[in-house]
Amino acid sequence: MSVSEKWFWAAVRKDLLGYRFRRQVAIGPYFLDFYVPSAKLCIEIDGEQHLDRTEQDQRRDAYLAEFGILTLRIPSLDLFHEDEDRYSAWIREVERICQERKK
């Protein structure tokens, strides 16, 4: 895992937000960075290499959407940033989406 993924995992593991998060989940030909089964939410921590992979990422997101899975893409630098507000804002966004999509 990247540093950003480790920081994210530390914030969500062991059901700290009240939802079960899994990491490196295989769905079809893809591996999801993080997945919340109860909310059908995929969370991808995107490094700079994703700037050149827009079309591939769109195809992947569309494939997951066919299964009702929403993909939230978080720029890696937002989690690796010294600004705690940015980091906390993403965690709150994940929590909000989980609450909306919880089955």
N, C-alpha and C. Protein backbone atom coordinates (compact mmCIF):
# COMPACT_ATOMS: atom_id res chain seq x y z
N MET A 1 0.83 -1.19 0.00
CA MET A 1 0.00 0.00 0.00
C MET A 1 0.87 1.25 0.00
N SER A 2 0.37 2.27 -0.65
CA SER A 2 1.07 3.56 -0.63
C SER A 2 0.87 4.21 0.74
N VAL A 3 1.61 5.26 1.00
CA VAL A 3 1.47 5.97 2.28
C VAL A 3 0.05 6.50 2.42
N SER A 4 -0.49 7.07 1.35
CA SER A 4 -1.86 7.60 1.39
C SER A 4 -2.87 6.50 1.69
N GLU A 5 -2.69 5.34 1.08
CA GLU A 5 -3.59 4.22 1.33
C GLU A 5 -3.47 3.75 2.77
N LYS A 6 -2.27 3.73 3.31
CA LYS A 6 -2.07 3.34 4.72
C LYS A 6 -2.79 4.31 5.66
N TRP A 7 -2.68 5.60 5.37
CA TRP A 7 -3.36 6.60 6.21
C TRP A 7 -4.86 6.43 6.14
N PHE A 8 -5.38 6.21 4.93
CA PHE A 8 -6.82 6.00 4.76
C PHE A 8 -7.26 4.74 5.51
N TRP A 9 -6.52 3.67 5.34
CA TRP A 9 -6.86 2.41 5.99
C TRP A 9 -6.87 2.56 7.51
N ALA A 10 -5.94 3.32 8.04
CA ALA A 10 -5.90 3.54 9.49
C ALA A 10 -7.16 4.26 9.98
N ALA A 11 -7.74 5.09 9.12
CA ALA A 11 -8.94 5.85 9.51
C ALA A 11 -10.21 5.03 9.41
N VAL A 12 -10.21 3.97 8.60
CA VAL A 12 -11.46 3.24 8.36
C VAL A 12 -11.44 1.79 8.84
N ARG A 13 -10.30 1.26 9.15
CA ARG A 13 -10.22 -0.16 9.52
C ARG A 13 -10.92 -0.43 10.85
N LYS A 14 -11.18 -1.65 11.08
CA LYS A 14 -11.84 -2.11 12.31
C LYS A 14 -13.17 -1.40 12.54
N ASP A 15 -13.86 -1.10 11.46
CA ASP A 15 -15.20 -0.50 11.53
C ASP A 15 -15.22 0.82 12.29
N LEU A 16 -14.14 1.59 12.21
CA LEU A 16 -14.07 2.85 12.94
C LEU A 16 -15.16 3.84 12.54
N LEU A 17 -15.64 3.77 11.31
CA LEU A 17 -16.71 4.67 10.86
C LEU A 17 -18.08 4.01 10.97
N GLY A 18 -18.10 2.79 11.46
CA GLY A 18 -19.37 2.08 11.59
C GLY A 18 -19.72 1.24 10.37
N TYR A 19 -18.81 1.12 9.43
CA TYR A 19 -19.01 0.33 8.21
C TYR A 19 -17.82 -0.59 8.03
N ARG A 20 -18.10 -1.76 7.46
CA ARG A 20 -17.04 -2.72 7.19
C ARG A 20 -16.35 -2.36 5.89
N PHE A 21 -15.08 -2.03 5.97
CA PHE A 21 -14.26 -1.73 4.79
C PHE A 21 -13.39 -2.94 4.50
N ARG A 22 -13.27 -3.27 3.25
CA ARG A 22 -12.36 -4.32 2.83
C ARG A 22 -11.36 -3.69 1.87
N ARG A 23 -10.19 -4.28 1.77
CA ARG A 23 -9.22 -3.73 0.83
C ARG A 23 -8.78 -4.80 -0.15
N GLN A 24 -8.38 -4.33 -1.32
CA GLN A 24 -7.95 -5.19 -2.42
C GLN A 24 -8.98 -6.27 -2.73
N VAL A 25 -10.19 -5.82 -3.01
CA VAL A 25 -11.30 -6.71 -3.34
C VAL A 25 -11.35 -6.89 -4.86
N ALA A 26 -11.41 -8.14 -5.30
CA ALA A 26 -11.50 -8.43 -6.74
C ALA A 26 -12.97 -8.45 -7.16
N ILE A 27 -13.27 -7.66 -8.18
CA ILE A 27 -14.59 -7.69 -8.81
C ILE A 27 -14.34 -7.74 -10.31
N GLY A 28 -14.71 -8.86 -10.91
CA GLY A 28 -14.40 -9.07 -12.32
C GLY A 28 -12.90 -8.99 -12.52
N PRO A 29 -12.46 -8.26 -13.53
CA PRO A 29 -11.03 -8.18 -13.81
C PRO A 29 -10.30 -7.12 -12.99
N TYR A 30 -11.00 -6.47 -12.06
CA TYR A 30 -10.42 -5.34 -11.34
C TYR A 30 -10.23 -5.64 -9.85
N PHE A 31 -9.22 -4.98 -9.28
CA PHE A 31 -9.02 -5.00 -7.84
C PHE A 31 -9.32 -3.60 -7.32
N LEU A 32 -10.22 -3.53 -6.33
CA LEU A 32 -10.61 -2.26 -5.76
C LEU A 32 -9.69 -1.95 -4.58
N ASP A 33 -9.23 -0.70 -4.48
CA ASP A 33 -8.38 -0.34 -3.34
C ASP A 33 -9.12 -0.62 -2.04
N PHE A 34 -10.33 -0.07 -1.93
CA PHE A 34 -11.16 -0.26 -0.74
C PHE A 34 -12.60 -0.44 -1.19
N TYR A 35 -13.34 -1.24 -0.43
CA TYR A 35 -14.73 -1.52 -0.79
C TYR A 35 -15.57 -1.62 0.47
N VAL A 36 -16.76 -0.98 0.43
CA VAL A 36 -17.74 -1.06 1.51
C VAL A 36 -18.93 -1.83 0.95
N PRO A 37 -19.02 -3.12 1.25
CA PRO A 37 -20.09 -3.94 0.68
C PRO A 37 -21.49 -3.44 1.00
N SER A 38 -21.74 -3.00 2.22
CA SER A 38 -23.10 -2.58 2.60
C SER A 38 -23.55 -1.33 1.86
N ALA A 39 -22.62 -0.53 1.36
CA ALA A 39 -22.96 0.69 0.62
C ALA A 39 -22.65 0.57 -0.87
N LYS A 40 -22.11 -0.58 -1.27
CA LYS A 40 -21.66 -0.77 -2.65
C LYS A 40 -20.82 0.43 -3.10
N LEU A 41 -19.82 0.73 -2.30
CA LEU A 41 -18.94 1.87 -2.53
C LEU A 41 -17.51 1.40 -2.71
N CYS A 42 -16.93 1.77 -3.84
CA CYS A 42 -15.52 1.53 -4.13
C CYS A 42 -14.78 2.84 -3.89
N ILE A 43 -13.68 2.79 -3.15
CA ILE A 43 -12.86 3.97 -2.92
C ILE A 43 -11.50 3.70 -3.52
N GLU A 44 -11.13 4.55 -4.46
CA GLU A 44 -9.84 4.45 -5.11
C GLU A 44 -8.98 5.62 -4.69
N ILE A 45 -7.79 5.33 -4.23
CA ILE A 45 -6.81 6.36 -3.89
C ILE A 45 -5.92 6.50 -5.12
N ASP A 46 -6.13 7.56 -5.87
CA ASP A 46 -5.47 7.73 -7.16
C ASP A 46 -4.19 8.53 -7.06
N GLY A 47 -3.09 7.89 -7.43
CA GLY A 47 -1.80 8.56 -7.53
C GLY A 47 -1.71 9.32 -8.85
N GLU A 48 -0.58 9.94 -9.06
CA GLU A 48 -0.39 10.77 -10.26
C GLU A 48 -0.50 9.98 -11.55
N GLN A 49 -0.23 8.68 -11.54
CA GLN A 49 -0.31 7.87 -12.75
C GLN A 49 -1.72 7.87 -13.33
N HIS A 50 -2.72 8.18 -12.52
CA HIS A 50 -4.10 8.17 -13.00
C HIS A 50 -4.41 9.38 -13.88
N LEU A 51 -3.56 10.38 -13.86
CA LEU A 51 -3.77 11.53 -14.72
C LEU A 51 -3.71 11.13 -16.19
N ASP A 52 -2.94 10.09 -16.51
CA ASP A 52 -2.79 9.61 -17.88
C ASP A 52 -3.68 8.41 -18.19
N ARG A 53 -4.55 8.04 -17.24
CA ARG A 53 -5.38 6.84 -17.40
C ARG A 53 -6.87 7.15 -17.34
N THR A 54 -7.26 8.32 -17.73
CA THR A 54 -8.65 8.75 -17.60
C THR A 54 -9.62 7.80 -18.28
N GLU A 55 -9.33 7.43 -19.52
CA GLU A 55 -10.24 6.54 -20.25
C GLU A 55 -10.33 5.16 -19.59
N GLN A 56 -9.21 4.62 -19.17
CA GLN A 56 -9.21 3.31 -18.50
C GLN A 56 -10.02 3.38 -17.21
N ASP A 57 -9.83 4.45 -16.45
CA ASP A 57 -10.56 4.60 -15.19
C ASP A 57 -12.06 4.74 -15.44
N GLN A 58 -12.44 5.46 -16.50
CA GLN A 58 -13.85 5.62 -16.83
C GLN A 58 -14.49 4.28 -17.22
N ARG A 59 -13.75 3.46 -17.98
CA ARG A 59 -14.27 2.13 -18.35
C ARG A 59 -14.44 1.27 -17.10
N ARG A 60 -13.48 1.34 -16.22
CA ARG A 60 -13.52 0.57 -14.98
C ARG A 60 -14.70 0.99 -14.12
N ASP A 61 -14.88 2.31 -13.96
CA ASP A 61 -15.98 2.83 -13.16
C ASP A 61 -17.33 2.44 -13.76
N ALA A 62 -17.43 2.46 -15.09
CA ALA A 62 -18.66 2.07 -15.77
C ALA A 62 -18.94 0.58 -15.55
N TYR A 63 -17.90 -0.24 -15.60
CA TYR A 63 -18.06 -1.67 -15.35
C TYR A 63 -18.61 -1.89 -13.94
N LEU A 64 -18.04 -1.23 -12.96
CA LEU A 64 -18.50 -1.37 -11.58
C LEU A 64 -19.93 -0.85 -11.42
N ALA A 65 -20.26 0.22 -12.11
CA ALA A 65 -21.61 0.80 -12.03
C ALA A 65 -22.66 -0.20 -12.52
N GLU A 66 -22.28 -1.08 -13.45
CA GLU A 66 -23.22 -2.11 -13.92
C GLU A 66 -23.66 -3.02 -12.77
N PHE A 67 -22.85 -3.10 -11.73
CA PHE A 67 -23.17 -3.91 -10.55
C PHE A 67 -23.72 -3.05 -9.41
N GLY A 68 -24.00 -1.78 -9.72
CA GLY A 68 -24.53 -0.87 -8.70
C GLY A 68 -23.47 -0.32 -7.77
N ILE A 69 -22.21 -0.43 -8.16
CA ILE A 69 -21.10 0.02 -7.31
C ILE A 69 -20.70 1.44 -7.73
N LEU A 70 -20.71 2.34 -6.78
CA LEU A 70 -20.27 3.72 -6.99
C LEU A 70 -18.77 3.79 -6.70
N THR A 71 -18.04 4.49 -7.54
CA THR A 71 -16.61 4.67 -7.33
C THR A 71 -16.33 6.10 -6.91
N LEU A 72 -15.66 6.25 -5.79
CA LEU A 72 -15.20 7.55 -5.31
C LEU A 72 -13.69 7.57 -5.48
N ARG A 73 -13.21 8.52 -6.26
CA ARG A 73 -11.78 8.64 -6.51
C ARG A 73 -11.21 9.79 -5.67
N ILE A 74 -10.24 9.44 -4.83
CA ILE A 74 -9.60 10.43 -3.96
C ILE A 74 -8.17 10.62 -4.43
N PRO A 75 -7.80 11.84 -4.76
CA PRO A 75 -6.41 12.08 -5.16
C PRO A 75 -5.46 11.76 -4.00
N SER A 76 -4.48 10.97 -4.28
CA SER A 76 -3.52 10.53 -3.26
C SER A 76 -2.92 11.70 -2.49
N LEU A 77 -2.60 12.77 -3.20
CA LEU A 77 -1.97 13.91 -2.54
C LEU A 77 -2.90 14.58 -1.53
N ASP A 78 -4.21 14.43 -1.69
CA ASP A 78 -5.14 14.99 -0.71
C ASP A 78 -5.01 14.29 0.64
N LEU A 79 -4.67 13.03 0.63
CA LEU A 79 -4.50 12.29 1.88
C LEU A 79 -3.08 12.41 2.42
N PHE A 80 -2.18 12.75 1.55
CA PHE A 80 -0.77 12.86 1.93
C PHE A 80 -0.41 14.30 2.26
N HIS A 81 -1.40 15.14 2.28
CA HIS A 81 -1.22 16.57 2.48
C HIS A 81 -1.15 16.88 3.97
N GLU A 82 -0.43 17.90 4.33
CA GLU A 82 -0.30 18.29 5.73
C GLU A 82 -1.58 18.94 6.27
N ASP A 83 -2.48 19.35 5.39
CA ASP A 83 -3.71 20.01 5.79
C ASP A 83 -4.71 18.97 6.31
N GLU A 84 -4.88 18.90 7.62
CA GLU A 84 -5.79 17.92 8.23
C GLU A 84 -7.23 18.12 7.77
N ASP A 85 -7.61 19.36 7.46
CA ASP A 85 -8.98 19.61 7.02
C ASP A 85 -9.29 18.89 5.73
N ARG A 86 -8.35 18.85 4.82
CA ARG A 86 -8.54 18.14 3.55
C ARG A 86 -8.73 16.65 3.78
N TYR A 87 -7.88 16.09 4.61
CA TYR A 87 -7.94 14.67 4.93
C TYR A 87 -9.28 14.36 5.61
N SER A 88 -9.64 15.15 6.60
CA SER A 88 -10.89 14.94 7.33
C SER A 88 -12.10 15.10 6.42
N ALA A 89 -12.03 16.02 5.48
CA ALA A 89 -13.14 16.24 4.56
C ALA A 89 -13.40 14.99 3.73
N TRP A 90 -12.36 14.31 3.29
CA TRP A 90 -12.55 13.08 2.52
C TRP A 90 -13.16 11.98 3.38
N ILE A 91 -12.71 11.87 4.62
CA ILE A 91 -13.27 10.85 5.52
C ILE A 91 -14.75 11.13 5.75
N ARG A 92 -15.10 12.39 5.96
CA ARG A 92 -16.52 12.77 6.13
C ARG A 92 -17.33 12.46 4.87
N GLU A 93 -16.73 12.70 3.70
CA GLU A 93 -17.42 12.41 2.44
C GLU A 93 -17.69 10.92 2.30
N VAL A 94 -16.72 10.10 2.63
CA VAL A 94 -16.89 8.64 2.58
C VAL A 94 -18.02 8.24 3.54
N GLU A 95 -18.01 8.79 4.72
CA GLU A 95 -19.04 8.47 5.71
C GLU A 95 -20.43 8.90 5.21
N ARG A 96 -20.51 10.08 4.62
CA ARG A 96 -21.79 10.58 4.09
C ARG A 96 -22.33 9.65 3.00
N ILE A 97 -21.47 9.27 2.08
CA ILE A 97 -21.90 8.38 1.00
C ILE A 97 -22.35 7.04 1.54
N CYS A 98 -21.63 6.51 2.50
CA CYS A 98 -22.01 5.24 3.11
C CYS A 98 -23.38 5.34 3.75
N GLN A 99 -23.65 6.42 4.44
CA GLN A 99 -24.96 6.61 5.07
C GLN A 99 -26.07 6.67 4.04
N GLU A 100 -25.83 7.36 2.93
CA GLU A 100 -26.83 7.48 1.87
C GLU A 100 -27.10 6.16 1.17
N ARG A 101 -26.06 5.36 1.00
CA ARG A 101 -26.17 4.15 0.17
C ARG A 101 -26.37 2.88 0.99
N LYS A 102 -26.32 2.98 2.30
CA LYS A 102 -26.42 1.78 3.12
C LYS A 102 -27.73 1.05 2.86
N LYS A 103 -27.60 -0.22 2.76
CA LYS A 103 -28.78 -1.05 2.48
C LYS A 103 -29.41 -1.53 3.75
